[in-house]
Amino acid sequence: MTEEFYLCLDVGGTEIKVNLLHGNQVECEKYPSHAEREKLEILAHFESIVKRQLQVVQEQKGALRGIGVAFPGPFDYDNGISLIKGLRKYDALYQIKLKSYFQKWLVDMDFPENIPFLFENDAVAFSIGEYIDGVGQHADKVMFIMLGTGCGSTFIEKGEIVKNKYGLQENGMIYQDPFLDGTIEDYLSANGLKMVARQMNMNELDGLALYQASQKGSQKAQDVFYEFGYLIGTALQRYVQSFQPDCIAFGGQIAGSMKWMKPGIQAGLGQEQSIRTKIKTSENGTLSTCKGLVYLLNQKK
């Protein structure tokens, strides 16, 4: 029996996680994103990643059942066109029809051009995967927040993605909503974490260095995460009040430091909201993103 494969790419501003799903097996590889480089360099990087995975499928004489790409917004997901501009990541791909490049790479490797294929927002794919087989199970209302280079978000109510309700914009996302002296993404992101670290006179500024210092017992580094958590709770308070979720589920690289952020988040939400709203962290955000992509690919078929 021919083995079936799904190729899933979780494209972030820092790294690209690639999963080749077949049966109950998951083969994951990580690559630097090169998100700040020029157009041709980024495309060549994507091409080498995709063709390497397609070669694995060929070597194992498998059948490729679909390709799913989780990509941060803004993005025209139906047509596979990047609309990212001025976000310090993938600016060089602005208005580039990535879908055409992926289809060409398929043909280059002797795969049919019409294999099921989709682009989806990374936060949406993650949220669907977590909702059907993760921390969002058995909950009617869940807020999903991804903390990384940017701030991704999806609100799900009884299995449906919420848009243009509960004070949300038409796209159902919050990253561009005003907060303090900027937008939510200015603060609930890697740059926001660095800003807090600078204000607290930390030598370690990026999330990984702060995480490592916290693991070693640095009270100052742990205090940075508490203050960052307080920012998160303060920013999310209005959405929690209007949406009244059963839980807030966090993903993204920064969510790995949740044990130090959680008390700050609860303080920022306020006593009443923090008591009734559970705070959960994804066990494997990349796998959830891939499960979400495969679910959507099968829905598309």
C-alpha atoms as a PDB file:
ATOM      1  CA  MET A   1       0.000   0.000   0.000  1.00  0.00           C
ATOM      2  CA  THR A   2       1.356   3.405  -1.014  1.00  0.00           C
ATOM      3  CA  GLU A   3       2.127   5.640   1.954  1.00  0.00           C
ATOM      4  CA  GLU A   4       0.423   9.047   1.981  1.00  0.00           C
ATOM      5  CA  PHE A   5       2.305  12.235   2.835  1.00  0.00           C
ATOM      6  CA  TYR A   6       1.303  15.799   3.698  1.00  0.00           C
ATOM      7  CA  LEU A   7       3.929  18.520   3.439  1.00  0.00           C
ATOM      8  CA  CYS A   8       3.331  21.299   5.985  1.00  0.00           C
ATOM      9  CA  LEU A   9       5.356  24.467   6.394  1.00  0.00           C
ATOM     10  CA  ASP A  10       5.004  26.677   9.464  1.00  0.00           C
ATOM     11  CA  VAL A  11       6.600  29.924   8.297  1.00  0.00           C
ATOM     12  CA  GLY A  12       7.657  32.329  11.034  1.00  0.00           C
ATOM     13  CA  GLY A  13       9.712  35.475  11.191  1.00  0.00           C
ATOM     14  CA  THR A  14      12.616  33.680  12.903  1.00  0.00           C
ATOM     15  CA  GLU A  15      12.480  30.143  11.555  1.00  0.00           C
ATOM     16  CA  ILE A  16      10.614  27.870   9.175  1.00  0.00           C
ATOM     17  CA  LYS A  17       9.424  24.581  10.635  1.00  0.00           C
ATOM     18  CA  VAL A  18       8.787  21.848   8.086  1.00  0.00           C
ATOM     19  CA  ASN A  19       6.748  18.761   8.865  1.00  0.00           C
ATOM     20  CA  LEU A  20       6.271  15.777   6.615  1.00  0.00           C
ATOM     21  CA  LEU A  21       3.277  13.898   7.996  1.00  0.00           C
ATOM     22  CA  HIS A  22       2.706  10.269   7.010  1.00  0.00           C
ATOM     23  CA  GLY A  23       0.657   7.745   8.959  1.00  0.00           C
ATOM     24  CA  ASN A  24       1.379   8.369  12.630  1.00  0.00           C
ATOM     25  CA  GLN A  25       4.890   9.619  11.867  1.00  0.00           C
ATOM     26  CA  VAL A  26       5.990  13.250  11.908  1.00  0.00           C
ATOM     27  CA  GLU A  27       9.354  14.260  10.531  1.00  0.00           C
ATOM     28  CA  CYS A  28      10.209  17.814  11.569  1.00  0.00           C
ATOM     29  CA  GLU A  29      13.051  20.002  10.392  1.00  0.00           C
ATOM     30  CA  LYS A  30      13.831  23.610  11.266  1.00  0.00           C
ATOM     31  CA  TYR A  31      15.484  26.231   9.099  1.00  0.00           C
ATOM     32  CA  PRO A  32      16.329  29.897   9.670  1.00  0.00           C
ATOM     33  CA  SER A  33      13.717  32.069   7.985  1.00  0.00           C
ATOM     34  CA  HIS A  34      16.031  34.618   6.272  1.00  0.00           C
ATOM     35  CA  ALA A  35      12.921  36.822   6.458  1.00  0.00           C
ATOM     36  CA  GLU A  36      14.862  40.084   6.183  1.00  0.00           C
ATOM     37  CA  ARG A  37      16.766  39.135   3.026  1.00  0.00           C
ATOM     38  CA  GLU A  38      16.069  40.065  -0.578  1.00  0.00           C
ATOM     39  CA  LYS A  39      13.368  38.471  -2.717  1.00  0.00           C
ATOM     40  CA  LEU A  40      15.554  36.085  -4.737  1.00  0.00           C
ATOM     41  CA  GLU A  41      17.393  34.835  -1.641  1.00  0.00           C
ATOM     42  CA  ILE A  42      14.137  34.127   0.207  1.00  0.00           C
ATOM     43  CA  LEU A  43      12.607  32.334  -2.786  1.00  0.00           C
ATOM     44  CA  ALA A  44      15.745  30.241  -3.342  1.00  0.00           C
ATOM     45  CA  HIS A  45      15.657  29.298   0.345  1.00  0.00           C
ATOM     46  CA  PHE A  46      12.003  28.203   0.103  1.00  0.00           C
ATOM     47  CA  GLU A  47      12.749  26.263  -3.076  1.00  0.00           C
ATOM     48  CA  SER A  48      15.583  24.287  -1.504  1.00  0.00           C
ATOM     49  CA  ILE A  49      13.437  23.453   1.537  1.00  0.00           C
ATOM     50  CA  VAL A  50      10.431  22.308  -0.512  1.00  0.00           C
ATOM     51  CA  LYS A  51      12.442  20.270  -3.023  1.00  0.00           C
ATOM     52  CA  ARG A  52      14.333  18.530  -0.235  1.00  0.00           C
ATOM     53  CA  GLN A  53      11.028  17.342   1.270  1.00  0.00           C
ATOM     54  CA  LEU A  54       9.610  16.311  -2.102  1.00  0.00           C
ATOM     55  CA  GLN A  55      12.724  14.239  -2.658  1.00  0.00           C
ATOM     56  CA  VAL A  56      12.027  12.368   0.589  1.00  0.00           C
ATOM     57  CA  VAL A  57       8.521  11.523  -0.658  1.00  0.00           C
ATOM     58  CA  GLN A  58       9.998  10.242  -3.932  1.00  0.00           C
ATOM     59  CA  GLU A  59      12.662   8.179  -2.197  1.00  0.00           C
ATOM     60  CA  GLN A  60       9.995   6.484  -0.075  1.00  0.00           C
ATOM     61  CA  LYS A  61       7.780   6.002  -3.154  1.00  0.00           C
ATOM     62  CA  GLY A  62       4.956   7.806  -1.363  1.00  0.00           C
ATOM     63  CA  ALA A  63       1.913   9.719  -2.568  1.00  0.00           C
ATOM     64  CA  LEU A  64       1.805  13.445  -1.830  1.00  0.00           C
ATOM     65  CA  ARG A  65      -1.768  14.248  -0.756  1.00  0.00           C
ATOM     66  CA  GLY A  66      -1.387  17.944  -0.118  1.00  0.00           C
ATOM     67  CA  ILE A  67       0.794  20.929   0.748  1.00  0.00           C
ATOM     68  CA  GLY A  68      -0.204  23.381   3.468  1.00  0.00           C
ATOM     69  CA  VAL A  69       1.685  26.578   4.230  1.00  0.00           C
ATOM     70  CA  ALA A  70       1.000  28.540   7.405  1.00  0.00           C
ATOM     71  CA  PHE A  71       2.118  32.114   6.726  1.00  0.00           C
ATOM     72  CA  PRO A  72       1.812  35.271   8.826  1.00  0.00           C
ATOM     73  CA  GLY A  73      -0.426  38.087   7.632  1.00  0.00           C
ATOM     74  CA  PRO A  74      -1.326  40.305   6.014  1.00  0.00           C
ATOM     75  CA  PHE A  75      -1.641  37.841   3.150  1.00  0.00           C
ATOM     76  CA  ASP A  76      -4.093  37.057   0.345  1.00  0.00           C
ATOM     77  CA  TYR A  77      -4.537  33.407   1.330  1.00  0.00           C
ATOM     78  CA  ASP A  78      -6.934  32.483  -1.483  1.00  0.00           C
ATOM     79  CA  ASN A  79      -4.497  33.573  -4.182  1.00  0.00           C
ATOM     80  CA  GLY A  80      -1.225  32.922  -2.342  1.00  0.00           C
ATOM     81  CA  ILE A  81       0.008  36.527  -2.459  1.00  0.00           C
ATOM     82  CA  SER A  82       2.046  38.085   0.352  1.00  0.00           C
ATOM     83  CA  LEU A  83       0.885  41.538   1.476  1.00  0.00           C
ATOM     84  CA  ILE A  84       3.432  41.950   4.272  1.00  0.00           C
ATOM     85  CA  LYS A  85       5.015  45.384   4.277  1.00  0.00           C
ATOM     86  CA  GLY A  86       6.886  47.294   6.954  1.00  0.00           C
ATOM     87  CA  LEU A  87       6.833  44.446   9.497  1.00  0.00           C
ATOM     88  CA  ARG A  88      10.576  43.677   9.392  1.00  0.00           C
ATOM     89  CA  LYS A  89       9.897  40.223   7.901  1.00  0.00           C
ATOM     90  CA  TYR A  90       9.287  39.107   4.314  1.00  0.00           C
ATOM     91  CA  ASP A  91       8.959  42.705   3.097  1.00  0.00           C
ATOM     92  CA  ALA A  92      10.783  41.666  -0.086  1.00  0.00           C
ATOM     93  CA  LEU A  93       7.913  39.307  -0.960  1.00  0.00           C
ATOM     94  CA  TYR A  94       5.301  42.096  -1.033  1.00  0.00           C
ATOM     95  CA  GLN A  95       2.715  41.341  -3.766  1.00  0.00           C
ATOM     96  CA  ILE A  96       4.624  38.231  -4.872  1.00  0.00           C
ATOM     97  CA  LYS A  97       2.372  35.335  -5.886  1.00  0.00           C
ATOM     98  CA  LEU A  98       4.073  32.591  -3.881  1.00  0.00           C
ATOM     99  CA  LYS A  99       1.549  29.993  -4.977  1.00  0.00           C
ATOM    100  CA  SER A 100       2.932  30.080  -8.541  1.00  0.00           C
ATOM    101  CA  TYR A 101       6.453  29.391  -7.291  1.00  0.00           C
ATOM    102  CA  PHE A 102       5.326  26.404  -5.204  1.00  0.00           C
ATOM    103  CA  GLN A 103       3.468  24.964  -8.196  1.00  0.00           C
ATOM    104  CA  LYS A 104       6.582  25.352 -10.368  1.00  0.00           C
ATOM    105  CA  TRP A 105       8.705  23.545  -7.786  1.00  0.00           C
ATOM    106  CA  LEU A 106       6.192  20.678  -7.779  1.00  0.00           C
ATOM    107  CA  VAL A 107       6.440  20.353 -11.553  1.00  0.00           C
ATOM    108  CA  ASP A 108      10.246  20.575 -11.389  1.00  0.00           C
ATOM    109  CA  MET A 109      10.188  17.495  -9.151  1.00  0.00           C
ATOM    110  CA  ASP A 110       7.722  15.609 -11.422  1.00  0.00           C
ATOM    111  CA  PHE A 111       4.710  16.055  -9.141  1.00  0.00           C
ATOM    112  CA  PRO A 112       1.298  17.100 -10.555  1.00  0.00           C
ATOM    113  CA  GLU A 113       0.653  20.847 -10.433  1.00  0.00           C
ATOM    114  CA  ASN A 114      -2.918  20.302  -9.175  1.00  0.00           C
ATOM    115  CA  ILE A 115      -2.044  18.603  -5.859  1.00  0.00           C
ATOM    116  CA  PRO A 116      -4.306  20.078  -3.101  1.00  0.00           C
ATOM    117  CA  PHE A 117      -2.556  23.185  -1.859  1.00  0.00           C
ATOM    118  CA  LEU A 118      -3.375  26.010   0.496  1.00  0.00           C
ATOM    119  CA  PHE A 119      -1.973  28.999   2.318  1.00  0.00           C
ATOM    120  CA  GLU A 120      -3.500  29.820   5.696  1.00  0.00           C
ATOM    121  CA  ASN A 121      -2.807  32.298   8.448  1.00  0.00           C
ATOM    122  CA  ASP A 122      -0.403  30.729  10.919  1.00  0.00           C
ATOM    123  CA  ALA A 123      -2.543  31.650  13.926  1.00  0.00           C
ATOM    124  CA  VAL A 124      -5.683  30.225  12.290  1.00  0.00           C
ATOM    125  CA  ALA A 125      -3.994  26.910  11.393  1.00  0.00           C
ATOM    126  CA  PHE A 126      -2.525  26.628  14.897  1.00  0.00           C
ATOM    127  CA  SER A 127      -5.881  27.391  16.491  1.00  0.00           C
ATOM    128  CA  ILE A 128      -7.810  24.845  14.439  1.00  0.00           C
ATOM    129  CA  GLY A 129      -5.246  22.152  15.258  1.00  0.00           C
ATOM    130  CA  GLU A 130      -5.376  22.973  18.971  1.00  0.00           C
ATOM    131  CA  TYR A 131      -9.160  23.174  18.984  1.00  0.00           C
ATOM    132  CA  ILE A 132      -9.701  19.752  17.422  1.00  0.00           C
ATOM    133  CA  ASP A 133      -6.838  17.922  19.137  1.00  0.00           C
ATOM    134  CA  GLY A 134      -5.198  20.012  21.852  1.00  0.00           C
ATOM    135  CA  VAL A 135      -5.816  22.431  24.686  1.00  0.00           C
ATOM    136  CA  GLY A 136      -8.984  23.774  23.054  1.00  0.00           C
ATOM    137  CA  GLN A 137     -10.823  20.458  23.269  1.00  0.00           C
ATOM    138  CA  HIS A 138     -14.027  20.341  25.338  1.00  0.00           C
ATOM    139  CA  ALA A 139     -14.366  24.157  25.369  1.00  0.00           C
ATOM    140  CA  ASP A 140     -17.072  26.206  23.662  1.00  0.00           C
ATOM    141  CA  LYS A 141     -15.140  29.467  23.504  1.00  0.00           C
ATOM    142  CA  VAL A 142     -11.369  29.725  23.171  1.00  0.00           C
ATOM    143  CA  MET A 143      -9.039  32.659  22.536  1.00  0.00           C
ATOM    144  CA  PHE A 144      -5.858  31.535  20.785  1.00  0.00           C
ATOM    145  CA  ILE A 145      -2.874  33.865  21.032  1.00  0.00           C
ATOM    146  CA  MET A 146       0.478  33.265  19.326  1.00  0.00           C
ATOM    147  CA  LEU A 147       3.466  35.153  20.695  1.00  0.00           C
ATOM    148  CA  GLY A 148       6.500  35.349  18.436  1.00  0.00           C
ATOM    149  CA  THR A 149       7.918  37.850  15.984  1.00  0.00           C
ATOM    150  CA  GLY A 150       4.373  39.181  15.832  1.00  0.00           C
ATOM    151  CA  CYS A 151       1.091  38.536  17.641  1.00  0.00           C
ATOM    152  CA  GLY A 152      -1.295  36.096  16.001  1.00  0.00           C
ATOM    153  CA  SER A 153      -4.820  35.544  17.261  1.00  0.00           C
ATOM    154  CA  THR A 154      -7.957  33.544  16.521  1.00  0.00           C
ATOM    155  CA  PHE A 155     -11.222  33.370  18.463  1.00  0.00           C
ATOM    156  CA  ILE A 156     -13.252  30.167  18.119  1.00  0.00           C
ATOM    157  CA  GLU A 157     -16.820  29.718  19.347  1.00  0.00           C
ATOM    158  CA  LYS A 158     -18.462  26.291  19.058  1.00  0.00           C
ATOM    159  CA  GLY A 159     -16.104  25.260  16.265  1.00  0.00           C
ATOM    160  CA  GLU A 160     -16.500  28.439  14.215  1.00  0.00           C
ATOM    161  CA  ILE A 161     -13.895  31.181  13.797  1.00  0.00           C
ATOM    162  CA  VAL A 162     -15.304  34.454  15.120  1.00  0.00           C
ATOM    163  CA  LYS A 163     -15.054  37.595  13.002  1.00  0.00           C
ATOM    164  CA  ASN A 164     -16.634  41.023  13.294  1.00  0.00           C
ATOM    165  CA  LYS A 165     -18.239  40.245  16.678  1.00  0.00           C
ATOM    166  CA  TYR A 166     -17.375  40.910  20.310  1.00  0.00           C
ATOM    167  CA  GLY A 167     -15.518  44.077  19.314  1.00  0.00           C
ATOM    168  CA  LEU A 168     -13.295  42.215  16.840  1.00  0.00           C
ATOM    169  CA  GLN A 169     -12.447  43.562  13.420  1.00  0.00           C
ATOM    170  CA  GLU A 170     -13.675  41.953  10.209  1.00  0.00           C
ATOM    171  CA  ASN A 171     -10.672  39.622  10.000  1.00  0.00           C
ATOM    172  CA  GLY A 172     -11.189  38.499  13.595  1.00  0.00           C
ATOM    173  CA  MET A 173      -7.627  39.392  14.579  1.00  0.00           C
ATOM    174  CA  ILE A 174      -6.284  41.887  17.088  1.00  0.00           C
ATOM    175  CA  TYR A 175      -2.672  42.594  16.113  1.00  0.00           C
ATOM    176  CA  GLN A 176      -3.451  45.993  14.554  1.00  0.00           C
ATOM    177  CA  ASP A 177      -5.780  47.163  17.324  1.00  0.00           C
ATOM    178  CA  PRO A 178      -4.545  50.208  19.263  1.00  0.00           C
ATOM    179  CA  PHE A 179      -2.803  49.614  22.583  1.00  0.00           C
ATOM    180  CA  LEU A 180      -0.867  52.108  24.719  1.00  0.00           C
ATOM    181  CA  ASP A 181       1.333  54.161  22.343  1.00  0.00           C
ATOM    182  CA  GLY A 182       1.023  51.816  19.367  1.00  0.00           C
ATOM    183  CA  THR A 183      -0.677  48.578  18.400  1.00  0.00           C
ATOM    184  CA  ILE A 184      -1.074  45.272  20.198  1.00  0.00           C
ATOM    185  CA  GLU A 185       1.609  43.720  17.991  1.00  0.00           C
ATOM    186  CA  ASP A 186       4.093  46.409  19.026  1.00  0.00           C
ATOM    187  CA  TYR A 187       3.859  45.139  22.601  1.00  0.00           C
ATOM    188  CA  LEU A 188       2.749  41.484  22.431  1.00  0.00           C
ATOM    189  CA  SER A 189       5.712  40.312  20.360  1.00  0.00           C
ATOM    190  CA  ALA A 190       9.456  39.724  20.469  1.00  0.00           C
ATOM    191  CA  ASN A 191      10.000  43.470  20.142  1.00  0.00           C
ATOM    192  CA  GLY A 192       7.629  44.114  23.038  1.00  0.00           C
ATOM    193  CA  LEU A 193       9.556  41.656  25.201  1.00  0.00           C
ATOM    194  CA  LYS A 194      12.832  43.390  24.298  1.00  0.00           C
ATOM    195  CA  MET A 195      11.308  46.730  25.204  1.00  0.00           C
ATOM    196  CA  VAL A 196      10.384  45.464  28.674  1.00  0.00           C
ATOM    197  CA  ALA A 197      13.872  43.978  29.131  1.00  0.00           C
ATOM    198  CA  ARG A 198      15.505  47.300  28.193  1.00  0.00           C
ATOM    199  CA  GLN A 199      13.277  49.198  30.610  1.00  0.00           C
ATOM    200  CA  MET A 200      14.416  46.827  33.356  1.00  0.00           C
ATOM    201  CA  ASN A 201      18.097  47.257  32.400  1.00  0.00           C
ATOM    202  CA  MET A 202      18.621  43.646  31.383  1.00  0.00           C
ATOM    203  CA  ASN A 203      21.668  42.586  29.400  1.00  0.00           C
ATOM    204  CA  GLU A 204      19.683  39.693  27.900  1.00  0.00           C
ATOM    205  CA  LEU A 205      17.130  41.110  25.480  1.00  0.00           C
ATOM    206  CA  ASP A 206      15.850  38.307  23.263  1.00  0.00           C
ATOM    207  CA  GLY A 207      13.389  35.681  24.430  1.00  0.00           C
ATOM    208  CA  LEU A 208      15.790  32.749  24.325  1.00  0.00           C
ATOM    209  CA  ALA A 209      18.459  34.519  26.417  1.00  0.00           C
ATOM    210  CA  LEU A 210      15.834  35.621  28.932  1.00  0.00           C
ATOM    211  CA  TYR A 211      14.426  32.090  29.083  1.00  0.00           C
ATOM    212  CA  GLN A 212      17.865  30.624  29.712  1.00  0.00           C
ATOM    213  CA  ALA A 213      18.604  33.194  32.424  1.00  0.00           C
ATOM    214  CA  SER A 214      15.233  32.476  34.060  1.00  0.00           C
ATOM    215  CA  GLN A 215      15.936  28.742  33.989  1.00  0.00           C
ATOM    216  CA  LYS A 216      19.201  29.422  35.821  1.00  0.00           C
ATOM    217  CA  GLY A 217      17.275  31.242  38.543  1.00  0.00           C
ATOM    218  CA  SER A 218      17.733  34.895  37.539  1.00  0.00           C
ATOM    219  CA  GLN A 219      15.027  36.768  39.445  1.00  0.00           C
ATOM    220  CA  LYS A 220      15.527  39.787  37.222  1.00  0.00           C
ATOM    221  CA  ALA A 221      14.876  37.764  34.054  1.00  0.00           C
ATOM    222  CA  GLN A 222      11.817  36.176  35.647  1.00  0.00           C
ATOM    223  CA  ASP A 223      10.585  39.654  36.582  1.00  0.00           C
ATOM    224  CA  VAL A 224      10.864  40.672  32.911  1.00  0.00           C
ATOM    225  CA  PHE A 225       8.521  37.842  31.971  1.00  0.00           C
ATOM    226  CA  TYR A 226       6.131  38.822  34.767  1.00  0.00           C
ATOM    227  CA  GLU A 227       5.984  42.405  33.474  1.00  0.00           C
ATOM    228  CA  PHE A 228       5.599  41.196  29.905  1.00  0.00           C
ATOM    229  CA  GLY A 229       2.780  38.944  31.093  1.00  0.00           C
ATOM    230  CA  TYR A 230       1.137  41.920  32.757  1.00  0.00           C
ATOM    231  CA  LEU A 231       1.227  43.726  29.396  1.00  0.00           C
ATOM    232  CA  ILE A 232      -0.411  40.699  27.763  1.00  0.00           C
ATOM    233  CA  GLY A 233      -3.164  40.524  30.367  1.00  0.00           C
ATOM    234  CA  THR A 234      -3.814  44.264  30.144  1.00  0.00           C
ATOM    235  CA  ALA A 235      -4.012  44.136  26.337  1.00  0.00           C
ATOM    236  CA  LEU A 236      -6.347  41.119  26.326  1.00  0.00           C
ATOM    237  CA  GLN A 237      -8.605  42.307  29.130  1.00  0.00           C
ATOM    238  CA  ARG A 238     -11.153  44.032  26.878  1.00  0.00           C
ATOM    239  CA  TYR A 239     -11.481  40.958  24.627  1.00  0.00           C
ATOM    240  CA  VAL A 240     -11.874  38.628  27.585  1.00  0.00           C
ATOM    241  CA  GLN A 241     -14.598  40.859  28.980  1.00  0.00           C
ATOM    242  CA  SER A 242     -16.536  40.925  25.700  1.00  0.00           C
ATOM    243  CA  PHE A 243     -15.894  37.357  24.456  1.00  0.00           C
ATOM    244  CA  GLN A 244     -15.946  35.601  27.859  1.00  0.00           C
ATOM    245  CA  PRO A 245     -13.781  32.640  26.758  1.00  0.00           C
ATOM    246  CA  ASP A 246     -13.530  29.374  28.669  1.00  0.00           C
ATOM    247  CA  CYS A 247      -9.777  29.553  28.198  1.00  0.00           C
ATOM    248  CA  ILE A 248      -6.953  31.463  26.566  1.00  0.00           C
ATOM    249  CA  ALA A 249      -4.562  29.111  24.753  1.00  0.00           C
ATOM    250  CA  PHE A 250      -1.070  30.428  24.023  1.00  0.00           C
ATOM    251  CA  GLY A 251       1.370  29.278  21.368  1.00  0.00           C
ATOM    252  CA  GLY A 252       4.471  30.648  19.674  1.00  0.00           C
ATOM    253  CA  GLN A 253       8.077  30.640  20.804  1.00  0.00           C
ATOM    254  CA  ILE A 254       7.615  33.121  23.660  1.00  0.00           C
ATOM    255  CA  ALA A 255       4.839  30.966  25.160  1.00  0.00           C
ATOM    256  CA  GLY A 256       7.552  28.546  26.259  1.00  0.00           C
ATOM    257  CA  SER A 257       8.189  30.953  29.167  1.00  0.00           C
ATOM    258  CA  MET A 258       4.572  30.833  30.353  1.00  0.00           C
ATOM    259  CA  LYS A 259       5.363  29.689  33.907  1.00  0.00           C
ATOM    260  CA  TRP A 260       6.923  33.114  34.585  1.00  0.00           C
ATOM    261  CA  MET A 261       4.409  35.093  32.496  1.00  0.00           C
ATOM    262  CA  LYS A 262       1.201  33.524  33.811  1.00  0.00           C
ATOM    263  CA  PRO A 263       1.029  35.426  37.159  1.00  0.00           C
ATOM    264  CA  GLY A 264       1.520  38.686  35.259  1.00  0.00           C
ATOM    265  CA  ILE A 265      -1.165  37.780  32.723  1.00  0.00           C
ATOM    266  CA  GLN A 266      -3.612  37.007  35.523  1.00  0.00           C
ATOM    267  CA  ALA A 267      -2.807  40.315  37.243  1.00  0.00           C
ATOM    268  CA  GLY A 268      -3.292  42.204  33.969  1.00  0.00           C
ATOM    269  CA  LEU A 269      -6.637  40.513  33.294  1.00  0.00           C
ATOM    270  CA  GLY A 270      -7.932  41.492  36.720  1.00  0.00           C
ATOM    271  CA  GLN A 271      -9.188  39.286  39.514  1.00  0.00           C
ATOM    272  CA  GLU A 272     -12.661  38.501  38.182  1.00  0.00           C
ATOM    273  CA  GLN A 273     -11.538  37.572  34.665  1.00  0.00           C
ATOM    274  CA  SER A 274      -8.477  35.611  35.801  1.00  0.00           C
ATOM    275  CA  ILE A 275     -10.606  33.463  38.120  1.00  0.00           C
ATOM    276  CA  ARG A 276     -13.080  32.381  35.425  1.00  0.00           C
ATOM    277  CA  THR A 277     -10.647  32.125  32.480  1.00  0.00           C
ATOM    278  CA  LYS A 278      -8.180  29.252  32.272  1.00  0.00           C
ATOM    279  CA  ILE A 279      -4.746  29.958  30.825  1.00  0.00           C
ATOM    280  CA  LYS A 280      -3.244  27.092  28.844  1.00  0.00           C
ATOM    281  CA  THR A 281      -0.130  26.584  26.736  1.00  0.00           C
ATOM    282  CA  SER A 282       0.169  24.405  23.648  1.00  0.00           C
ATOM    283  CA  GLU A 283       2.320  21.323  24.134  1.00  0.00           C
ATOM    284  CA  ASN A 284       3.441  21.327  20.511  1.00  0.00           C
ATOM    285  CA  GLY A 285       2.392  24.404  18.576  1.00  0.00           C
ATOM    286  CA  THR A 286       4.084  23.362  15.341  1.00  0.00           C
ATOM    287  CA  LEU A 287       2.343  19.983  15.321  1.00  0.00           C
ATOM    288  CA  SER A 288      -0.994  21.701  16.014  1.00  0.00           C
ATOM    289  CA  THR A 289      -0.379  24.079  13.113  1.00  0.00           C
ATOM    290  CA  CYS A 290       0.257  21.097  10.838  1.00  0.00           C
ATOM    291  CA  LYS A 291      -2.830  19.264  12.069  1.00  0.00           C
ATOM    292  CA  GLY A 292      -4.837  22.399  11.319  1.00  0.00           C
ATOM    293  CA  LEU A 293      -3.395  22.578   7.802  1.00  0.00           C
ATOM    294  CA  VAL A 294      -4.142  18.903   7.105  1.00  0.00           C
ATOM    295  CA  TYR A 295      -7.691  19.344   8.412  1.00  0.00           C
ATOM    296  CA  LEU A 296      -8.212  22.312   6.083  1.00  0.00           C
ATOM    297  CA  LEU A 297      -6.655  20.465   3.140  1.00  0.00           C
ATOM    298  CA  ASN A 298      -9.064  17.553   3.665  1.00  0.00           C
ATOM    299  CA  GLN A 299     -11.990  19.973   3.955  1.00  0.00           C
ATOM    300  CA  LYS A 300     -10.897  21.500   0.673  1.00  0.00           C
ATOM    301  CA  LYS A 301     -10.883  18.077  -1.026  1.00  0.00           C
END
